[in-house]
Amino acid sequence: REGSEPEIDGEPLPLPRRERRILEYLASNRGRRVTKTQVFNAIYGIFDEEVEENVVESHISKLRKKLREKLGHDPIDSKRFLGYRLVF
C-alpha cells in the first residue's frame, strides 16, 4: 500500500515522507544490513546532487526517536561503517 501511514500495533504512525521511505526501505530489507549510501540512493535517487548523504543520519535519528516512543525500544540497529538494520 504505497503512501499509507505505517502502523504499529494497529496505531498509525504519522511520518514525514522521507522518514516513511526510510522505514519502508529498512522494512523491505529486514534482517539485512543496508549502508547509508544504499538508504540515500533508495530515498533520494542516485542523481540527487543537491543533498548531502549525511541527511540520512538526521532522518534516521528522528525516525528512531518516534519509533522508540511507540515501541519502547529502538528497532534500528546501526553499526558504524556497516549501516543500518531493522530488528523487531
PDB file of N, CA and C in Angstrom:
ATOM      1  N   ARG A   1       0.838  -1.195   0.000  1.00  0.00           N
ATOM      2  CA  ARG A   1       0.000   0.000   0.000  1.00  0.00           C
ATOM      3  C   ARG A   1       0.874   1.246   0.000  1.00  0.00           C
ATOM      4  N   GLU A   2       1.208   1.693  -1.167  1.00  0.00           N
ATOM      5  CA  GLU A   2       2.062   2.866  -1.308  1.00  0.00           C
ATOM      6  C   GLU A   2       1.363   4.098  -0.742  1.00  0.00           C
ATOM      7  N   GLY A   3       2.111   4.874   0.031  1.00  0.00           N
ATOM      8  CA  GLY A   3       1.561   6.138   0.513  1.00  0.00           C
ATOM      9  C   GLY A   3       0.728   6.049   1.770  1.00  0.00           C
ATOM     10  N   SER A   4       0.536   4.848   2.319  1.00  0.00           N
ATOM     11  CA  SER A   4      -0.263   4.778   3.542  1.00  0.00           C
ATOM     12  C   SER A   4       0.658   4.895   4.751  1.00  0.00           C
ATOM     13  N   GLU A   5       0.099   5.363   5.864  1.00  0.00           N
ATOM     14  CA  GLU A   5       0.901   5.523   7.079  1.00  0.00           C
ATOM     15  C   GLU A   5       1.317   4.158   7.605  1.00  0.00           C
ATOM     16  N   PRO A   6       2.548   4.046   8.081  1.00  0.00           N
ATOM     17  CA  PRO A   6       2.927   2.797   8.744  1.00  0.00           C
ATOM     18  C   PRO A   6       2.130   2.642  10.035  1.00  0.00           C
ATOM     19  N   GLU A   7       1.913   1.418  10.449  1.00  0.00           N
ATOM     20  CA  GLU A   7       1.164   1.172  11.675  1.00  0.00           C
ATOM     21  C   GLU A   7       2.006   0.364  12.641  1.00  0.00           C
ATOM     22  N   ILE A   8       1.851   0.681  13.917  1.00  0.00           N
ATOM     23  CA  ILE A   8       2.485  -0.107  14.965  1.00  0.00           C
ATOM     24  C   ILE A   8       1.378  -0.553  15.896  1.00  0.00           C
ATOM     25  N   ASP A   9       1.193  -1.852  16.009  1.00  0.00           N
ATOM     26  CA  ASP A   9       0.093  -2.410  16.801  1.00  0.00           C
ATOM     27  C   ASP A   9      -1.249  -1.796  16.413  1.00  0.00           C
ATOM     28  N   GLY A  10      -1.461  -1.626  15.110  1.00  0.00           N
ATOM     29  CA  GLY A  10      -2.729  -1.097  14.625  1.00  0.00           C
ATOM     30  C   GLY A  10      -2.869   0.410  14.761  1.00  0.00           C
ATOM     31  N   GLU A  11      -1.894   1.062  15.389  1.00  0.00           N
ATOM     32  CA  GLU A  11      -1.937   2.517  15.534  1.00  0.00           C
ATOM     33  C   GLU A  11      -1.135   3.150  14.401  1.00  0.00           C
ATOM     34  N   PRO A  12      -1.732   4.119  13.693  1.00  0.00           N
ATOM     35  CA  PRO A  12      -0.954   4.778  12.639  1.00  0.00           C
ATOM     36  C   PRO A  12       0.206   5.573  13.233  1.00  0.00           C
ATOM     37  N   LEU A  13       1.314   5.553  12.533  1.00  0.00           N
ATOM     38  CA  LEU A  13       2.476   6.333  12.939  1.00  0.00           C
ATOM     39  C   LEU A  13       2.725   7.366  11.847  1.00  0.00           C
ATOM     40  N   PRO A  14       2.233   8.589  12.048  1.00  0.00           N
ATOM     41  CA  PRO A  14       2.412   9.601  11.001  1.00  0.00           C
ATOM     42  C   PRO A  14       3.881   9.990  10.881  1.00  0.00           C
ATOM     43  N   LEU A  15       4.401   9.915   9.680  1.00  0.00           N
ATOM     44  CA  LEU A  15       5.808  10.240   9.447  1.00  0.00           C
ATOM     45  C   LEU A  15       5.928  11.138   8.223  1.00  0.00           C
ATOM     46  N   PRO A  16       6.909  12.044   8.247  1.00  0.00           N
ATOM     47  CA  PRO A  16       7.198  12.785   7.013  1.00  0.00           C
ATOM     48  C   PRO A  16       7.635  11.810   5.919  1.00  0.00           C
ATOM     49  N   ARG A  17       7.459  12.230   4.671  1.00  0.00           N
ATOM     50  CA  ARG A  17       7.675  11.346   3.532  1.00  0.00           C
ATOM     51  C   ARG A  17       9.043  10.662   3.535  1.00  0.00           C
ATOM     52  N   ARG A  18      10.113  11.407   3.796  1.00  0.00           N
ATOM     53  CA  ARG A  18      11.454  10.812   3.743  1.00  0.00           C
ATOM     54  C   ARG A  18      11.634   9.757   4.834  1.00  0.00           C
ATOM     55  N   GLU A  19      11.147  10.065   6.046  1.00  0.00           N
ATOM     56  CA  GLU A  19      11.277   9.095   7.138  1.00  0.00           C
ATOM     57  C   GLU A  19      10.471   7.845   6.833  1.00  0.00           C
ATOM     58  N   ARG A  20       9.299   8.036   6.244  1.00  0.00           N
ATOM     59  CA  ARG A  20       8.476   6.880   5.886  1.00  0.00           C
ATOM     60  C   ARG A  20       9.180   6.027   4.827  1.00  0.00           C
ATOM     61  N   ARG A  21       9.805   6.686   3.858  1.00  0.00           N
ATOM     62  CA  ARG A  21      10.527   5.952   2.815  1.00  0.00           C
ATOM     63  C   ARG A  21      11.681   5.161   3.429  1.00  0.00           C
ATOM     64  N   ILE A  22      12.380   5.771   4.390  1.00  0.00           N
ATOM     65  CA  ILE A  22      13.492   5.067   5.047  1.00  0.00           C
ATOM     66  C   ILE A  22      12.967   3.844   5.782  1.00  0.00           C
ATOM     67  N   LEU A  23      11.878   4.027   6.520  1.00  0.00           N
ATOM     68  CA  LEU A  23      11.293   2.911   7.260  1.00  0.00           C
ATOM     69  C   LEU A  23      10.866   1.798   6.299  1.00  0.00           C
ATOM     70  N   GLU A  24      10.227   2.177   5.195  1.00  0.00           N
ATOM     71  CA  GLU A  24       9.800   1.183   4.197  1.00  0.00           C
ATOM     72  C   GLU A  24      11.003   0.451   3.611  1.00  0.00           C
ATOM     73  N   TYR A  25      12.058   1.213   3.345  1.00  0.00           N
ATOM     74  CA  TYR A  25      13.259   0.595   2.776  1.00  0.00           C
ATOM     75  C   TYR A  25      13.906  -0.380   3.764  1.00  0.00           C
ATOM     76  N   LEU A  26      14.021   0.053   5.019  1.00  0.00           N
ATOM     77  CA  LEU A  26      14.594  -0.837   6.039  1.00  0.00           C
ATOM     78  C   LEU A  26      13.716  -2.079   6.213  1.00  0.00           C
ATOM     79  N   ALA A  27      12.399  -1.870   6.210  1.00  0.00           N
ATOM     80  CA  ALA A  27      11.477  -2.997   6.380  1.00  0.00           C
ATOM     81  C   ALA A  27      11.585  -3.971   5.207  1.00  0.00           C
ATOM     82  N   SER A  28      11.762  -3.441   3.999  1.00  0.00           N
ATOM     83  CA  SER A  28      11.848  -4.331   2.840  1.00  0.00           C
ATOM     84  C   SER A  28      13.167  -5.094   2.828  1.00  0.00           C
ATOM     85  N   ASN A  29      14.143  -4.626   3.592  1.00  0.00           N
ATOM     86  CA  ASN A  29      15.433  -5.318   3.711  1.00  0.00           C
ATOM     87  C   ASN A  29      15.606  -5.907   5.101  1.00  0.00           C
ATOM     88  N   ARG A  30      14.495  -6.167   5.750  1.00  0.00           N
ATOM     89  CA  ARG A  30      14.527  -6.600   7.143  1.00  0.00           C
ATOM     90  C   ARG A  30      15.494  -7.751   7.373  1.00  0.00           C
ATOM     91  N   GLY A  31      16.303  -7.625   8.409  1.00  0.00           N
ATOM     92  CA  GLY A  31      17.280  -8.666   8.705  1.00  0.00           C
ATOM     93  C   GLY A  31      18.598  -8.457   7.989  1.00  0.00           C
ATOM     94  N   ARG A  32      18.567  -7.684   6.899  1.00  0.00           N
ATOM     95  CA  ARG A  32      19.804  -7.386   6.172  1.00  0.00           C
ATOM     96  C   ARG A  32      20.289  -6.001   6.574  1.00  0.00           C
ATOM     97  N   ARG A  33      21.589  -5.836   6.612  1.00  0.00           N
ATOM     98  CA  ARG A  33      22.150  -4.520   6.927  1.00  0.00           C
ATOM     99  C   ARG A  33      22.299  -3.731   5.629  1.00  0.00           C
ATOM    100  N   VAL A  34      21.863  -2.493   5.644  1.00  0.00           N
ATOM    101  CA  VAL A  34      22.000  -1.633   4.463  1.00  0.00           C
ATOM    102  C   VAL A  34      22.878  -0.442   4.817  1.00  0.00           C
ATOM    103  N   THR A  35      23.693  -0.025   3.867  1.00  0.00           N
ATOM    104  CA  THR A  35      24.601   1.092   4.134  1.00  0.00           C
ATOM    105  C   THR A  35      23.865   2.417   4.018  1.00  0.00           C
ATOM    106  N   LYS A  36      24.496   3.444   4.559  1.00  0.00           N
ATOM    107  CA  LYS A  36      23.930   4.787   4.459  1.00  0.00           C
ATOM    108  C   LYS A  36      23.753   5.174   2.989  1.00  0.00           C
ATOM    109  N   THR A  37      24.708   4.785   2.153  1.00  0.00           N
ATOM    110  CA  THR A  37      24.624   5.091   0.716  1.00  0.00           C
ATOM    111  C   THR A  37      23.421   4.404   0.079  1.00  0.00           C
ATOM    112  N   GLN A  38      23.186   3.148   0.447  1.00  0.00           N
ATOM    113  CA  GLN A  38      22.030   2.429  -0.102  1.00  0.00           C
ATOM    114  C   GLN A  38      20.728   3.108   0.324  1.00  0.00           C
ATOM    115  N   VAL A  39      20.659   3.489   1.590  1.00  0.00           N
ATOM    116  CA  VAL A  39      19.463   4.180   2.082  1.00  0.00           C
ATOM    117  C   VAL A  39      19.290   5.489   1.318  1.00  0.00           C
ATOM    118  N   PHE A  40      20.358   6.234   1.205  1.00  0.00           N
ATOM    119  CA  PHE A  40      20.325   7.523   0.498  1.00  0.00           C
ATOM    120  C   PHE A  40      19.831   7.355  -0.932  1.00  0.00           C
ATOM    121  N   ASN A  41      20.411   6.380  -1.647  1.00  0.00           N
ATOM    122  CA  ASN A  41      20.036   6.164  -3.046  1.00  0.00           C
ATOM    123  C   ASN A  41      18.578   5.732  -3.174  1.00  0.00           C
ATOM    124  N   ALA A  42      18.109   4.957  -2.201  1.00  0.00           N
ATOM    125  CA  ALA A  42      16.717   4.500  -2.237  1.00  0.00           C
ATOM    126  C   ALA A  42      15.757   5.665  -2.038  1.00  0.00           C
ATOM    127  N   ILE A  43      16.182   6.668  -1.273  1.00  0.00           N
ATOM    128  CA  ILE A  43      15.279   7.753  -0.945  1.00  0.00           C
ATOM    129  C   ILE A  43      15.402   8.934  -1.886  1.00  0.00           C
ATOM    130  N   TYR A  44      16.620   9.288  -2.177  1.00  0.00           N
ATOM    131  CA  TYR A  44      16.847  10.474  -2.997  1.00  0.00           C
ATOM    132  C   TYR A  44      17.164  10.144  -4.445  1.00  0.00           C
ATOM    133  N   GLY A  45      17.494   8.889  -4.719  1.00  0.00           N
ATOM    134  CA  GLY A  45      17.921   8.559  -6.072  1.00  0.00           C
ATOM    135  C   GLY A  45      19.400   8.853  -6.210  1.00  0.00           C
ATOM    136  N   ILE A  46      20.007   8.227  -7.158  1.00  0.00           N
ATOM    137  CA  ILE A  46      21.456   8.295  -7.292  1.00  0.00           C
ATOM    138  C   ILE A  46      21.888   9.649  -7.828  1.00  0.00           C
ATOM    139  N   PHE A  47      20.967  10.363  -8.482  1.00  0.00           N
ATOM    140  CA  PHE A  47      21.383  11.563  -9.214  1.00  0.00           C
ATOM    141  C   PHE A  47      21.085  12.855  -8.475  1.00  0.00           C
ATOM    142  N   ASP A  48      20.695  12.762  -7.217  1.00  0.00           N
ATOM    143  CA  ASP A  48      20.377  13.983  -6.489  1.00  0.00           C
ATOM    144  C   ASP A  48      21.656  14.582  -5.917  1.00  0.00           C
ATOM    145  N   GLU A  49      22.213  15.531  -6.644  1.00  0.00           N
ATOM    146  CA  GLU A  49      23.489  16.135  -6.249  1.00  0.00           C
ATOM    147  C   GLU A  49      23.279  17.223  -5.196  1.00  0.00           C
ATOM    148  N   GLU A  50      22.047  17.653  -5.025  1.00  0.00           N
ATOM    149  CA  GLU A  50      21.760  18.793  -4.153  1.00  0.00           C
ATOM    150  C   GLU A  50      21.827  18.433  -2.679  1.00  0.00           C
ATOM    151  N   VAL A  51      21.750  17.143  -2.373  1.00  0.00           N
ATOM    152  CA  VAL A  51      21.577  16.737  -0.985  1.00  0.00           C
ATOM    153  C   VAL A  51      22.798  15.960  -0.514  1.00  0.00           C
ATOM    154  N   GLU A  52      23.239  16.247   0.691  1.00  0.00           N
ATOM    155  CA  GLU A  52      24.366  15.526   1.276  1.00  0.00           C
ATOM    156  C   GLU A  52      23.898  14.182   1.811  1.00  0.00           C
ATOM    157  N   GLU A  53      24.751  13.181   1.685  1.00  0.00           N
ATOM    158  CA  GLU A  53      24.415  11.843   2.181  1.00  0.00           C
ATOM    159  C   GLU A  53      24.171  11.842   3.699  1.00  0.00           C
ATOM    160  N   ASN A  54      24.792  12.785   4.406  1.00  0.00           N
ATOM    161  CA  ASN A  54      24.633  12.840   5.863  1.00  0.00           C
ATOM    162  C   ASN A  54      23.210  13.137   6.314  1.00  0.00           C
ATOM    163  N   VAL A  55      22.379  13.617   5.398  1.00  0.00           N
ATOM    164  CA  VAL A  55      20.987  13.889   5.733  1.00  0.00           C
ATOM    165  C   VAL A  55      20.292  12.599   6.194  1.00  0.00           C
ATOM    166  N   VAL A  56      20.764  11.456   5.714  1.00  0.00           N
ATOM    167  CA  VAL A  56      20.208  10.158   6.110  1.00  0.00           C
ATOM    168  C   VAL A  56      20.299   9.994   7.628  1.00  0.00           C
ATOM    169  N   GLU A  57      21.436  10.386   8.196  1.00  0.00           N
ATOM    170  CA  GLU A  57      21.617  10.240   9.639  1.00  0.00           C
ATOM    171  C   GLU A  57      20.591  11.048  10.414  1.00  0.00           C
ATOM    172  N   SER A  58      20.313  12.253   9.953  1.00  0.00           N
ATOM    173  CA  SER A  58      19.353  13.070  10.687  1.00  0.00           C
ATOM    174  C   SER A  58      17.936  12.512  10.547  1.00  0.00           C
ATOM    175  N   HIS A  59      17.580  12.025   9.352  1.00  0.00           N
ATOM    176  CA  HIS A  59      16.266  11.388   9.180  1.00  0.00           C
ATOM    177  C   HIS A  59      16.151  10.161  10.086  1.00  0.00           C
ATOM    178  N   ILE A  60      17.194   9.358  10.107  1.00  0.00           N
ATOM    179  CA  ILE A  60      17.151   8.125  10.898  1.00  0.00           C
ATOM    180  C   ILE A  60      17.068   8.455  12.377  1.00  0.00           C
ATOM    181  N   SER A  61      17.763   9.490  12.808  1.00  0.00           N
ATOM    182  CA  SER A  61      17.708   9.816  14.228  1.00  0.00           C
ATOM    183  C   SER A  61      16.305  10.284  14.632  1.00  0.00           C
ATOM    184  N   LYS A  62      15.635  11.045  13.760  1.00  0.00           N
ATOM    185  CA  LYS A  62      14.256  11.465  14.051  1.00  0.00           C
ATOM    186  C   LYS A  62      13.312  10.267  14.035  1.00  0.00           C
ATOM    187  N   LEU A  63      13.516   9.397  13.060  1.00  0.00           N
ATOM    188  CA  LEU A  63      12.696   8.196  12.928  1.00  0.00           C
ATOM    189  C   LEU A  63      12.851   7.303  14.164  1.00  0.00           C
ATOM    190  N   ARG A  64      14.096   7.134  14.599  1.00  0.00           N
ATOM    191  CA  ARG A  64      14.388   6.332  15.799  1.00  0.00           C
ATOM    192  C   ARG A  64      13.623   6.829  17.007  1.00  0.00           C
ATOM    193  N   LYS A  65      13.655   8.155  17.196  1.00  0.00           N
ATOM    194  CA  LYS A  65      13.013   8.772  18.357  1.00  0.00           C
ATOM    195  C   LYS A  65      11.517   8.436  18.351  1.00  0.00           C
ATOM    196  N   LYS A  66      10.880   8.574  17.185  1.00  0.00           N
ATOM    197  CA  LYS A  66       9.443   8.293  17.083  1.00  0.00           C
ATOM    198  C   LYS A  66       9.145   6.810  17.317  1.00  0.00           C
ATOM    199  N   LEU A  67       9.986   5.943  16.753  1.00  0.00           N
ATOM    200  CA  LEU A  67       9.779   4.510  16.927  1.00  0.00           C
ATOM    201  C   LEU A  67       9.998   4.104  18.380  1.00  0.00           C
ATOM    202  N   ARG A  68      10.994   4.718  19.007  1.00  0.00           N
ATOM    203  CA  ARG A  68      11.287   4.403  20.406  1.00  0.00           C
ATOM    204  C   ARG A  68      10.109   4.792  21.297  1.00  0.00           C
ATOM    205  N   GLU A  69       9.508   5.960  21.007  1.00  0.00           N
ATOM    206  CA  GLU A  69       8.339   6.396  21.784  1.00  0.00           C
ATOM    207  C   GLU A  69       7.179   5.413  21.628  1.00  0.00           C
ATOM    208  N   LYS A  70       6.990   4.901  20.412  1.00  0.00           N
ATOM    209  CA  LYS A  70       5.873   3.985  20.145  1.00  0.00           C
ATOM    210  C   LYS A  70       6.125   2.574  20.654  1.00  0.00           C
ATOM    211  N   LEU A  71       7.360   2.101  20.477  1.00  0.00           N
ATOM    212  CA  LEU A  71       7.662   0.698  20.739  1.00  0.00           C
ATOM    213  C   LEU A  71       8.271   0.458  22.116  1.00  0.00           C
ATOM    214  N   GLY A  72       8.856   1.511  22.685  1.00  0.00           N
ATOM    215  CA  GLY A  72       9.548   1.340  23.951  1.00  0.00           C
ATOM    216  C   GLY A  72      10.980   0.854  23.773  1.00  0.00           C
ATOM    217  N   HIS A  73      11.398   0.661  22.528  1.00  0.00           N
ATOM    218  CA  HIS A  73      12.800   0.325  22.249  1.00  0.00           C
ATOM    219  C   HIS A  73      13.153   0.816  20.855  1.00  0.00           C
ATOM    220  N   ASP A  74      14.423   0.789  20.546  1.00  0.00           N
ATOM    221  CA  ASP A  74      14.901   1.263  19.252  1.00  0.00           C
ATOM    222  C   ASP A  74      15.054   0.076  18.306  1.00  0.00           C
ATOM    223  N   PRO A  75      14.228  -0.002  17.265  1.00  0.00           N
ATOM    224  CA  PRO A  75      14.287  -1.159  16.368  1.00  0.00           C
ATOM    225  C   PRO A  75      15.333  -1.027  15.261  1.00  0.00           C
ATOM    226  N   ILE A  76      16.055   0.103  15.241  1.00  0.00           N
ATOM    227  CA  ILE A  76      17.057   0.277  14.192  1.00  0.00           C
ATOM    228  C   ILE A  76      18.436   0.017  14.777  1.00  0.00           C
ATOM    229  N   ASP A  77      19.027  -1.066  14.326  1.00  0.00           N
ATOM    230  CA  ASP A  77      20.365  -1.445  14.776  1.00  0.00           C
ATOM    231  C   ASP A  77      21.353  -0.805  13.814  1.00  0.00           C
ATOM    232  N   SER A  78      22.279  -0.014  14.329  1.00  0.00           N
ATOM    233  CA  SER A  78      23.261   0.570  13.413  1.00  0.00           C
ATOM    234  C   SER A  78      24.666   0.241  13.869  1.00  0.00           C
ATOM    235  N   LYS A  79      25.501   0.006  12.888  1.00  0.00           N
ATOM    236  CA  LYS A  79      26.915  -0.256  13.147  1.00  0.00           C
ATOM    237  C   LYS A  79      27.705   0.742  12.304  1.00  0.00           C
ATOM    238  N   ARG A  80      28.591   1.451  12.964  1.00  0.00           N
ATOM    239  CA  ARG A  80      29.406   2.428  12.251  1.00  0.00           C
ATOM    240  C   ARG A  80      30.089   1.769  11.054  1.00  0.00           C
ATOM    241  N   PHE A  81      30.002   2.428   9.917  1.00  0.00           N
ATOM    242  CA  PHE A  81      30.606   1.980   8.640  1.00  0.00           C
ATOM    243  C   PHE A  81      29.897   0.783   8.008  1.00  0.00           C
ATOM    244  N   LEU A  82      29.054   0.083   8.750  1.00  0.00           N
ATOM    245  CA  LEU A  82      28.393  -1.087   8.169  1.00  0.00           C
ATOM    246  C   LEU A  82      26.963  -0.798   7.768  1.00  0.00           C
ATOM    247  N   GLY A  83      26.330   0.145   8.457  1.00  0.00           N
ATOM    248  CA  GLY A  83      24.988   0.535   8.058  1.00  0.00           C
ATOM    249  C   GLY A  83      23.924   0.206   9.086  1.00  0.00           C
ATOM    250  N   TYR A  84      22.704   0.111   8.612  1.00  0.00           N
ATOM    251  CA  TYR A  84      21.527   0.011   9.461  1.00  0.00           C
ATOM    252  C   TYR A  84      20.775  -1.265   9.185  1.00  0.00           C
ATOM    253  N   ARG A  85      20.060  -1.723  10.208  1.00  0.00           N
ATOM    254  CA  ARG A  85      19.241  -2.919  10.055  1.00  0.00           C
ATOM    255  C   ARG A  85      18.035  -2.770  10.950  1.00  0.00           C
ATOM    256  N   LEU A  86      16.873  -3.154  10.441  1.00  0.00           N
ATOM    257  CA  LEU A  86      15.654  -3.097  11.239  1.00  0.00           C
ATOM    258  C   LEU A  86      15.498  -4.426  11.979  1.00  0.00           C
ATOM    259  N   VAL A  87      15.379  -4.343  13.301  1.00  0.00           N
ATOM    260  CA  VAL A  87      15.219  -5.563  14.091  1.00  0.00           C
ATOM    261  C   VAL A  87      13.961  -5.433  14.943  1.00  0.00           C
ATOM    262  N   PHE A  88      13.194  -6.493  15.019  1.00  0.00           N
ATOM    263  CA  PHE A  88      11.953  -6.440  15.808  1.00  0.00           C
ATOM    264  C   PHE A  88      12.045  -7.398  16.954  1.00  0.00           C
TER     265      PHE A  88
END
